[in-house]
C-alpha atoms as a PDB file:
ATOM      1  CA  MET A   1      -0.034  -0.078   0.030  1.00  0.00           C
ATOM      2  CA  THR A   2       1.354   3.470  -0.830  1.00  0.00           C
ATOM      3  CA  PHE A   3       2.277   5.924   1.777  1.00  0.00           C
ATOM      4  CA  ASP A   4       1.020   8.977   0.062  1.00  0.00           C
ATOM      5  CA  PRO A   5      -0.596  11.150   2.850  1.00  0.00           C
ATOM      6  CA  ALA A   6      -3.830  11.875   0.860  1.00  0.00           C
ATOM      7  CA  TYR A   7      -4.150   8.059  -0.125  1.00  0.00           C
ATOM      8  CA  LEU A   8      -3.689   6.974   3.452  1.00  0.00           C
ATOM      9  CA  THR A   9      -6.136   9.509   4.890  1.00  0.00           C
ATOM     10  CA  ALA A  10      -8.788   8.541   2.472  1.00  0.00           C
ATOM     11  CA  MET A  11      -8.313   4.771   2.783  1.00  0.00           C
ATOM     12  CA  VAL A  12      -7.965   4.731   6.612  1.00  0.00           C
ATOM     13  CA  SER A  13     -10.976   6.991   6.986  1.00  0.00           C
ATOM     14  CA  ALA A  14     -13.145   4.925   4.648  1.00  0.00           C
ATOM     15  CA  VAL A  15     -12.268   1.728   6.596  1.00  0.00           C
ATOM     16  CA  ILE A  16     -13.074   3.371   9.992  1.00  0.00           C
ATOM     17  CA  LEU A  17     -16.508   4.653   8.731  1.00  0.00           C
ATOM     18  CA  MET A  18     -17.239   1.085   7.393  1.00  0.00           C
ATOM     19  CA  GLY A  19     -16.253  -0.429  10.622  1.00  0.00           C
ATOM     20  CA  LEU A  20     -18.527   1.853  12.573  1.00  0.00           C
ATOM     21  CA  SER A  21     -21.199   0.938  10.001  1.00  0.00           C
ATOM     22  CA  LYS A  22     -20.625  -2.747  10.563  1.00  0.00           C
ATOM     23  CA  GLY A  23     -20.604  -2.292  14.203  1.00  0.00           C
ATOM     24  CA  GLY A  24     -24.095  -0.806  14.056  1.00  0.00           C
ATOM     25  CA  PHE A  25     -24.042   2.869  12.874  1.00  0.00           C
ATOM     26  CA  ALA A  26     -25.953   2.028   9.805  1.00  0.00           C
ATOM     27  CA  GLY A  27     -25.389   4.480   6.908  1.00  0.00           C
ATOM     28  CA  LEU A  28     -21.851   5.499   7.626  1.00  0.00           C
ATOM     29  CA  GLY A  29     -20.503   2.807   5.359  1.00  0.00           C
ATOM     30  CA  LEU A  30     -21.925   4.408   2.422  1.00  0.00           C
ATOM     31  CA  LEU A  31     -19.458   7.259   2.711  1.00  0.00           C
ATOM     32  CA  SER A  32     -16.489   4.556   2.406  1.00  0.00           C
ATOM     33  CA  LEU A  33     -16.537   3.891  -1.349  1.00  0.00           C
ATOM     34  CA  PRO A  34     -16.916   7.486  -2.253  1.00  0.00           C
ATOM     35  CA  LEU A  35     -13.824   8.371   0.044  1.00  0.00           C
ATOM     36  CA  MET A  36     -11.752   5.663  -1.485  1.00  0.00           C
ATOM     37  CA  ALA A  37     -12.860   6.710  -4.956  1.00  0.00           C
ATOM     38  CA  LEU A  38     -11.171  10.116  -4.376  1.00  0.00           C
ATOM     39  CA  VAL A  39      -7.709   8.450  -4.532  1.00  0.00           C
ATOM     40  CA  VAL A  40      -8.304   5.200  -6.683  1.00  0.00           C
ATOM     41  CA  SER A  41     -10.782   4.277  -9.404  1.00  0.00           C
ATOM     42  CA  PRO A  42     -14.286   3.172  -8.000  1.00  0.00           C
ATOM     43  CA  VAL A  43     -13.881  -0.342  -9.388  1.00  0.00           C
ATOM     44  CA  GLN A  44     -10.645  -0.718  -7.508  1.00  0.00           C
ATOM     45  CA  ALA A  45     -11.955   0.711  -4.506  1.00  0.00           C
ATOM     46  CA  ALA A  46     -14.710  -1.809  -4.386  1.00  0.00           C
ATOM     47  CA  ALA A  47     -12.135  -4.645  -4.926  1.00  0.00           C
ATOM     48  CA  ILE A  48     -10.028  -3.403  -2.023  1.00  0.00           C
ATOM     49  CA  MET A  49     -12.997  -3.023   0.233  1.00  0.00           C
ATOM     50  CA  LEU A  50     -14.692  -6.536  -0.345  1.00  0.00           C
ATOM     51  CA  PRO A  51     -12.009  -8.590   1.723  1.00  0.00           C
ATOM     52  CA  ILE A  52     -12.075  -5.736   4.443  1.00  0.00           C
ATOM     53  CA  LEU A  53     -15.906  -6.044   4.489  1.00  0.00           C
ATOM     54  CA  ILE A  54     -15.692  -9.891   4.974  1.00  0.00           C
ATOM     55  CA  VAL A  55     -13.133  -9.456   7.895  1.00  0.00           C
ATOM     56  CA  GLN A  56     -15.518  -6.823   9.552  1.00  0.00           C
ATOM     57  CA  ASP A  57     -18.454  -9.091   8.844  1.00  0.00           C
ATOM     58  CA  VAL A  58     -16.940 -11.818  11.228  1.00  0.00           C
ATOM     59  CA  VAL A  59     -16.750  -9.171  14.053  1.00  0.00           C
ATOM     60  CA  SER A  60     -20.272  -7.888  13.557  1.00  0.00           C
ATOM     61  CA  VAL A  61     -21.922 -11.256  12.986  1.00  0.00           C
ATOM     62  CA  TRP A  62     -20.274 -12.681  16.214  1.00  0.00           C
ATOM     63  CA  ALA A  63     -21.351  -9.583  18.125  1.00  0.00           C
ATOM     64  CA  TYR A  64     -25.004  -9.819  17.029  1.00  0.00           C
ATOM     65  CA  ARG A  65     -25.201 -13.605  16.606  1.00  0.00           C
ATOM     66  CA  ARG A  66     -28.173 -13.900  18.900  1.00  0.00           C
ATOM     67  CA  GLU A  67     -30.001 -10.647  17.768  1.00  0.00           C
ATOM     68  CA  PHE A  68     -31.452 -10.792  14.229  1.00  0.00           C
ATOM     69  CA  ASP A  69     -34.764 -11.583  12.474  1.00  0.00           C
ATOM     70  CA  ARG A  70     -35.083 -14.774  10.497  1.00  0.00           C
ATOM     71  CA  ARG A  71     -38.153 -13.688   8.582  1.00  0.00           C
ATOM     72  CA  ASN A  72     -36.456 -10.692   7.121  1.00  0.00           C
ATOM     73  CA  LEU A  73     -33.472 -12.822   5.974  1.00  0.00           C
ATOM     74  CA  ALA A  74     -35.759 -15.183   4.203  1.00  0.00           C
ATOM     75  CA  MET A  75     -37.634 -12.275   2.430  1.00  0.00           C
ATOM     76  CA  LEU A  76     -34.544 -10.543   1.307  1.00  0.00           C
ATOM     77  CA  LEU A  77     -32.021 -13.238   0.310  1.00  0.00           C
ATOM     78  CA  PRO A  78     -33.592 -14.755  -2.701  1.00  0.00           C
ATOM     79  CA  GLY A  79     -33.948 -11.299  -4.506  1.00  0.00           C
ATOM     80  CA  ALA A  80     -30.351 -10.407  -3.406  1.00  0.00           C
ATOM     81  CA  ALA A  81     -28.938 -13.340  -5.273  1.00  0.00           C
ATOM     82  CA  LEU A  82     -30.686 -12.059  -8.407  1.00  0.00           C
ATOM     83  CA  GLY A  83     -29.338  -8.584  -7.758  1.00  0.00           C
ATOM     84  CA  ILE A  84     -25.785  -9.814  -7.364  1.00  0.00           C
ATOM     85  CA  LEU A  85     -26.021 -11.765 -10.698  1.00  0.00           C
ATOM     86  CA  ALA A  86     -27.344  -8.401 -12.351  1.00  0.00           C
ATOM     87  CA  GLY A  87     -24.592  -6.489 -10.863  1.00  0.00           C
ATOM     88  CA  TYR A  88     -21.925  -8.853 -12.117  1.00  0.00           C
ATOM     89  CA  LEU A  89     -23.377  -8.606 -15.666  1.00  0.00           C
ATOM     90  CA  LEU A  90     -23.371  -4.811 -15.398  1.00  0.00           C
ATOM     91  CA  ALA A  91     -19.829  -4.684 -13.979  1.00  0.00           C
ATOM     92  CA  ALA A  92     -18.472  -6.501 -17.015  1.00  0.00           C
ATOM     93  CA  TRP A  93     -19.691  -3.738 -19.318  1.00  0.00           C
ATOM     94  CA  VAL A  94     -19.748  -0.443 -17.482  1.00  0.00           C
ATOM     95  CA  SER A  95     -16.809   2.092 -17.145  1.00  0.00           C
ATOM     96  CA  ASP A  96     -15.257   3.376 -14.014  1.00  0.00           C
ATOM     97  CA  ALA A  97     -16.983   6.735 -14.580  1.00  0.00           C
ATOM     98  CA  ALA A  98     -20.332   5.046 -14.688  1.00  0.00           C
ATOM     99  CA  VAL A  99     -19.755   3.277 -11.566  1.00  0.00           C
ATOM    100  CA  GLY A 100     -18.603   6.500  -9.793  1.00  0.00           C
ATOM    101  CA  LEU A 101     -21.647   8.349 -11.141  1.00  0.00           C
ATOM    102  CA  ALA A 102     -23.870   5.669  -9.596  1.00  0.00           C
ATOM    103  CA  VAL A 103     -22.139   5.803  -6.338  1.00  0.00           C
ATOM    104  CA  GLY A 104     -22.462   9.484  -6.166  1.00  0.00           C
ATOM    105  CA  LEU A 105     -26.162   9.411  -7.016  1.00  0.00           C
ATOM    106  CA  ILE A 106     -26.712   6.636  -4.569  1.00  0.00           C
ATOM    107  CA  SER A 107     -25.031   8.615  -1.806  1.00  0.00           C
ATOM    108  CA  ILE A 108     -26.951  11.950  -2.450  1.00  0.00           C
ATOM    109  CA  GLY A 109     -30.191  10.303  -2.679  1.00  0.00           C
ATOM    110  CA  PHE A 110     -29.780   8.337   0.466  1.00  0.00           C
ATOM    111  CA  ALA A 111     -28.326  11.369   2.505  1.00  0.00           C
ATOM    112  CA  ALA A 112     -30.971  13.670   1.153  1.00  0.00           C
ATOM    113  CA  ARG A 113     -33.743  11.330   1.914  1.00  0.00           C
ATOM    114  CA  ARG A 114     -32.684  11.100   5.648  1.00  0.00           C
ATOM    115  CA  LEU A 115     -32.151  14.805   6.117  1.00  0.00           C
ATOM    116  CA  LEU A 116     -35.470  15.845   4.371  1.00  0.00           C
ATOM    117  CA  GLY A 117     -37.320  13.345   6.447  1.00  0.00           C
ATOM    118  CA  THR A 118     -36.252  14.672   9.739  1.00  0.00           C
ATOM    119  CA  GLY A 119     -39.124  15.956  11.784  1.00  0.00           C
ATOM    120  CA  LYS A 120     -41.894  14.134  10.044  1.00  0.00           C
ATOM    121  CA  ALA A 121     -44.254  11.713  11.722  1.00  0.00           C
ATOM    122  CA  PRO A 122     -43.136   8.114  11.335  1.00  0.00           C
ATOM    123  CA  PRO A 123     -45.150   5.958   8.991  1.00  0.00           C
ATOM    124  CA  PRO A 124     -47.232   3.001  10.041  1.00  0.00           C
ATOM    125  CA  VAL A 125     -45.356   0.028  11.250  1.00  0.00           C
ATOM    126  CA  LYS A 126     -45.001  -2.483   8.316  1.00  0.00           C
ATOM    127  CA  ARG A 127     -44.284  -6.318   8.305  1.00  0.00           C
ATOM    128  CA  ALA A 128     -41.782  -8.238   6.416  1.00  0.00           C
ATOM    129  CA  GLU A 129     -43.352  -9.560   3.184  1.00  0.00           C
ATOM    130  CA  PHE A 130     -42.217 -11.561   0.289  1.00  0.00           C
ATOM    131  CA  LEU A 131     -42.758  -9.340  -2.653  1.00  0.00           C
ATOM    132  CA  PRO A 132     -41.276  -6.217  -1.267  1.00  0.00           C
ATOM    133  CA  GLY A 133     -38.594  -8.180   0.362  1.00  0.00           C
ATOM    134  CA  THR A 134     -37.603  -9.797  -2.955  1.00  0.00           C
ATOM    135  CA  PHE A 135     -37.655  -6.420  -4.692  1.00  0.00           C
ATOM    136  CA  TRP A 136     -35.530  -4.543  -2.134  1.00  0.00           C
ATOM    137  CA  GLY A 137     -33.320  -7.622  -1.713  1.00  0.00           C
ATOM    138  CA  ALA A 138     -32.611  -7.460  -5.420  1.00  0.00           C
ATOM    139  CA  ILE A 139     -31.674  -3.754  -5.150  1.00  0.00           C
ATOM    140  CA  CYS A 140     -29.492  -4.520  -2.316  1.00  0.00           C
ATOM    141  CA  GLY A 141     -27.678  -7.314  -4.075  1.00  0.00           C
ATOM    142  CA  PHE A 142     -27.337  -5.024  -7.252  1.00  0.00           C
ATOM    143  CA  THR A 143     -25.987  -1.928  -5.492  1.00  0.00           C
ATOM    144  CA  SER A 144     -23.845  -4.001  -3.161  1.00  0.00           C
ATOM    145  CA  MET A 145     -22.162  -5.812  -6.048  1.00  0.00           C
ATOM    146  CA  VAL A 146     -21.660  -2.647  -8.036  1.00  0.00           C
ATOM    147  CA  ALA A 147     -20.575  -0.352  -5.211  1.00  0.00           C
ATOM    148  CA  HIS A 148     -20.866  -1.959  -1.868  1.00  0.00           C
ATOM    149  CA  ALA A 149     -23.898   0.380  -1.430  1.00  0.00           C
ATOM    150  CA  GLY A 150     -26.547  -2.173  -0.339  1.00  0.00           C
ATOM    151  CA  GLY A 151     -27.211  -0.331   2.877  1.00  0.00           C
ATOM    152  CA  PRO A 152     -29.712   2.287   1.690  1.00  0.00           C
ATOM    153  CA  PRO A 153     -32.249  -0.057   0.048  1.00  0.00           C
ATOM    154  CA  PHE A 154     -31.979  -2.339   3.062  1.00  0.00           C
ATOM    155  CA  GLN A 155     -32.836   0.357   5.451  1.00  0.00           C
ATOM    156  CA  ILE A 156     -35.688   1.673   3.126  1.00  0.00           C
ATOM    157  CA  TYR A 157     -37.127  -2.024   3.427  1.00  0.00           C
ATOM    158  CA  VAL A 158     -36.509  -2.823   7.037  1.00  0.00           C
ATOM    159  CA  MET A 159     -36.839   0.528   8.829  1.00  0.00           C
ATOM    160  CA  PRO A 160     -40.535   1.098   8.574  1.00  0.00           C
ATOM    161  CA  GLN A 161     -40.814  -2.364  10.456  1.00  0.00           C
ATOM    162  CA  ARG A 162     -39.361  -0.536  13.481  1.00  0.00           C
ATOM    163  CA  LEU A 163     -37.483  -3.563  14.807  1.00  0.00           C
ATOM    164  CA  PRO A 164     -35.673  -3.157  18.160  1.00  0.00           C
ATOM    165  CA  PRO A 165     -32.254  -1.599  17.363  1.00  0.00           C
ATOM    166  CA  GLN A 166     -30.187  -4.639  18.185  1.00  0.00           C
ATOM    167  CA  ILE A 167     -32.341  -6.823  15.999  1.00  0.00           C
ATOM    168  CA  PHE A 168     -32.265  -4.328  13.149  1.00  0.00           C
ATOM    169  CA  VAL A 169     -28.418  -4.263  13.356  1.00  0.00           C
ATOM    170  CA  GLY A 170     -28.037  -7.921  13.766  1.00  0.00           C
ATOM    171  CA  THR A 171     -30.236  -8.683  10.763  1.00  0.00           C
ATOM    172  CA  GLY A 172     -28.264  -6.365   8.547  1.00  0.00           C
ATOM    173  CA  ALA A 173     -24.962  -7.820   9.815  1.00  0.00           C
ATOM    174  CA  ILE A 174     -25.833 -11.349   8.875  1.00  0.00           C
ATOM    175  CA  PHE A 175     -27.609 -10.365   5.655  1.00  0.00           C
ATOM    176  CA  PHE A 176     -24.618  -8.463   4.344  1.00  0.00           C
ATOM    177  CA  ALA A 177     -22.127 -11.062   5.536  1.00  0.00           C
ATOM    178  CA  ILE A 178     -23.912 -13.541   3.264  1.00  0.00           C
ATOM    179  CA  LEU A 179     -23.957 -11.066   0.475  1.00  0.00           C
ATOM    180  CA  ASN A 180     -20.223 -10.183   0.741  1.00  0.00           C
ATOM    181  CA  LEU A 181     -19.399 -13.899   0.644  1.00  0.00           C
ATOM    182  CA  ALA A 182     -21.433 -14.398  -2.444  1.00  0.00           C
ATOM    183  CA  LYS A 183     -19.721 -11.620  -4.235  1.00  0.00           C
ATOM    184  CA  VAL A 184     -16.311 -13.328  -3.978  1.00  0.00           C
ATOM    185  CA  ALA A 185     -16.734 -15.567  -6.989  1.00  0.00           C
ATOM    186  CA  PRO A 186     -18.049 -12.671  -9.270  1.00  0.00           C
ATOM    187  CA  TYR A 187     -15.004 -10.576  -8.207  1.00  0.00           C
ATOM    188  CA  ILE A 188     -12.731 -13.333  -8.984  1.00  0.00           C
ATOM    189  CA  ALA A 189     -14.206 -13.788 -12.456  1.00  0.00           C
ATOM    190  CA  LEU A 190     -13.854 -10.128 -13.079  1.00  0.00           C
ATOM    191  CA  GLY A 191     -10.158 -10.177 -12.166  1.00  0.00           C
ATOM    192  CA  GLN A 192     -10.556  -7.641  -9.442  1.00  0.00           C
ATOM    193  CA  PHE A 193      -8.349  -9.501  -6.774  1.00  0.00           C
ATOM    194  CA  THR A 194      -5.049  -8.506  -7.876  1.00  0.00           C
ATOM    195  CA  THR A 195      -1.937  -8.718  -5.732  1.00  0.00           C
ATOM    196  CA  GLN A 196      -1.998  -4.857  -5.441  1.00  0.00           C
ATOM    197  CA  ASN A 197      -5.696  -4.734  -4.317  1.00  0.00           C
ATOM    198  CA  LEU A 198      -5.170  -7.647  -1.742  1.00  0.00           C
ATOM    199  CA  SER A 199      -2.209  -6.087  -0.376  1.00  0.00           C
ATOM    200  CA  ALA A 200      -4.058  -2.867   0.294  1.00  0.00           C
ATOM    201  CA  SER A 201      -6.766  -4.803   1.838  1.00  0.00           C
ATOM    202  CA  ALA A 202      -4.547  -6.761   4.120  1.00  0.00           C
ATOM    203  CA  ALA A 203      -2.696  -3.684   5.359  1.00  0.00           C
ATOM    204  CA  LEU A 204      -6.056  -2.169   6.374  1.00  0.00           C
ATOM    205  CA  PHE A 205      -7.224  -5.280   8.319  1.00  0.00           C
ATOM    206  CA  PRO A 206      -6.189  -4.006  11.858  1.00  0.00           C
ATOM    207  CA  VAL A 207      -8.130  -0.745  11.225  1.00  0.00           C
ATOM    208  CA  ALA A 208     -11.034  -2.660  10.097  1.00  0.00           C
ATOM    209  CA  ILE A 209     -11.403  -4.949  13.072  1.00  0.00           C
ATOM    210  CA  LEU A 210     -10.677  -2.232  15.562  1.00  0.00           C
ATOM    211  CA  SER A 211     -13.200   0.088  14.187  1.00  0.00           C
ATOM    212  CA  THR A 212     -15.861  -2.499  13.971  1.00  0.00           C
ATOM    213  CA  ILE A 213     -15.381  -3.329  17.646  1.00  0.00           C
ATOM    214  CA  VAL A 214     -15.693   0.173  18.488  1.00  0.00           C
ATOM    215  CA  GLY A 215     -18.856   0.539  16.430  1.00  0.00           C
ATOM    216  CA  VAL A 216     -20.364  -2.347  18.441  1.00  0.00           C
ATOM    217  CA  ARG A 217     -19.594  -0.848  21.742  1.00  0.00           C
ATOM    218  CA  LEU A 218     -20.658   2.769  20.716  1.00  0.00           C
ATOM    219  CA  VAL A 219     -24.081   1.596  19.158  1.00  0.00           C
ATOM    220  CA  ARG A 220     -25.021   0.082  22.567  1.00  0.00           C
ATOM    221  CA  ARG A 221     -24.174   3.336  24.533  1.00  0.00           C
ATOM    222  CA  VAL A 222     -24.211   6.403  22.397  1.00  0.00           C
ATOM    223  CA  PRO A 223     -27.193   8.165  20.576  1.00  0.00           C
ATOM    224  CA  ALA A 224     -25.978   8.810  17.068  1.00  0.00           C
ATOM    225  CA  GLU A 225     -28.537  11.215  15.570  1.00  0.00           C
ATOM    226  CA  ARG A 226     -26.324  14.258  15.845  1.00  0.00           C
ATOM    227  CA  PHE A 227     -23.367  12.462  14.498  1.00  0.00           C
ATOM    228  CA  TYR A 228     -25.443  11.126  11.693  1.00  0.00           C
ATOM    229  CA  THR A 229     -26.435  14.687  10.473  1.00  0.00           C
ATOM    230  CA  ILE A 230     -22.736  15.671  10.027  1.00  0.00           C
ATOM    231  CA  ILE A 231     -21.982  12.461   8.149  1.00  0.00           C
ATOM    232  CA  TYR A 232     -25.092  12.896   5.894  1.00  0.00           C
ATOM    233  CA  TRP A 233     -23.920  16.331   4.859  1.00  0.00           C
ATOM    234  CA  LEU A 234     -20.328  15.109   4.292  1.00  0.00           C
ATOM    235  CA  LEU A 235     -21.942  12.315   2.172  1.00  0.00           C
ATOM    236  CA  ILE A 236     -23.712  14.740  -0.067  1.00  0.00           C
ATOM    237  CA  ALA A 237     -20.550  16.734  -0.621  1.00  0.00           C
ATOM    238  CA  VAL A 238     -18.551  13.673  -1.609  1.00  0.00           C
ATOM    239  CA  GLY A 239     -21.410  12.264  -3.623  1.00  0.00           C
ATOM    240  CA  LEU A 240     -21.650  15.589  -5.585  1.00  0.00           C
ATOM    241  CA  LYS A 241     -17.928  15.445  -6.241  1.00  0.00           C
ATOM    242  CA  LEU A 242     -18.164  11.955  -7.760  1.00  0.00           C
ATOM    243  CA  VAL A 243     -21.271  12.891  -9.707  1.00  0.00           C
ATOM    244  CA  VAL A 244     -19.565  15.840 -11.284  1.00  0.00           C
ATOM    245  CA  GLU A 245     -16.487  13.763 -11.995  1.00  0.00           C
ATOM    246  CA  GLY A 246     -18.608  11.067 -13.559  1.00  0.00           C
ATOM    247  CA  LEU A 247     -20.591  13.277 -15.657  1.00  0.00           C
ATOM    248  CA  ALA A 248     -17.367  14.917 -16.922  1.00  0.00           C
ATOM    249  CA  ALA A 249     -15.818  11.627 -17.752  1.00  0.00           C
ATOM    250  CA  LEU A 250     -18.884  10.331 -19.594  1.00  0.00           C
ATOM    251  CA  ARG A 251     -19.114  13.649 -21.363  1.00  0.00           C
ATOM    252  CA  LEU A 252     -22.722  14.106 -20.463  1.00  0.00           C
ATOM    253  CA  PHE A 253     -22.251  17.864 -20.167  1.00  0.00           C
ATOM    254  CA  ALA A 254     -19.827  20.271 -21.651  1.00  0.00           C
END
């Protein structure tokens, strides 16, 4: 891994945010790939992040191994498998610029949705159902495969159910652990696990493990709403940068 200060700052910050997300601060992880994409291509960033995610999954699944909702997993996983397949087929054809543009739009959309929703009355509690679960599971699988950005659609589907916080976090931990393992074969097929990418991942493993442990402990003790608001604004800023760069690279505006 290079010792360029900008590179190290972006990569370590991205892994810390993903670790906090895996520990329970859902949503923070969406900032990780845009941060990495500031110093490497979005596709390379995704390849470096996958082994890190799997290491973090081990920590988060162990922490929440008794706190998850089986019904939601059963509703989401079949669609997620289809979404991963679709993401693999798309990844074989799209450019880095298109992936960066997609990540930027996902980032802005999720952050704006959260900020604009503040202060509104909560919607009625919903129940996990097969058709919505299959649809949102497919979106999760697709966005997770393309940009490790499956968190927002997962939250859109599960949050209206108002599960207890530990059950919500545990369900997401197990769901995304399964998704990340399922993505290994497509990433190998796409040739993304190069020596350079795997070396960068391995160098960041200690940060990944420590930040996930910290996230698990914090989510059980600290209210996160104020911290979230800051991160969402940062997410919009980074997302806007990626959108502008993606549009410019694709020559969609002069």
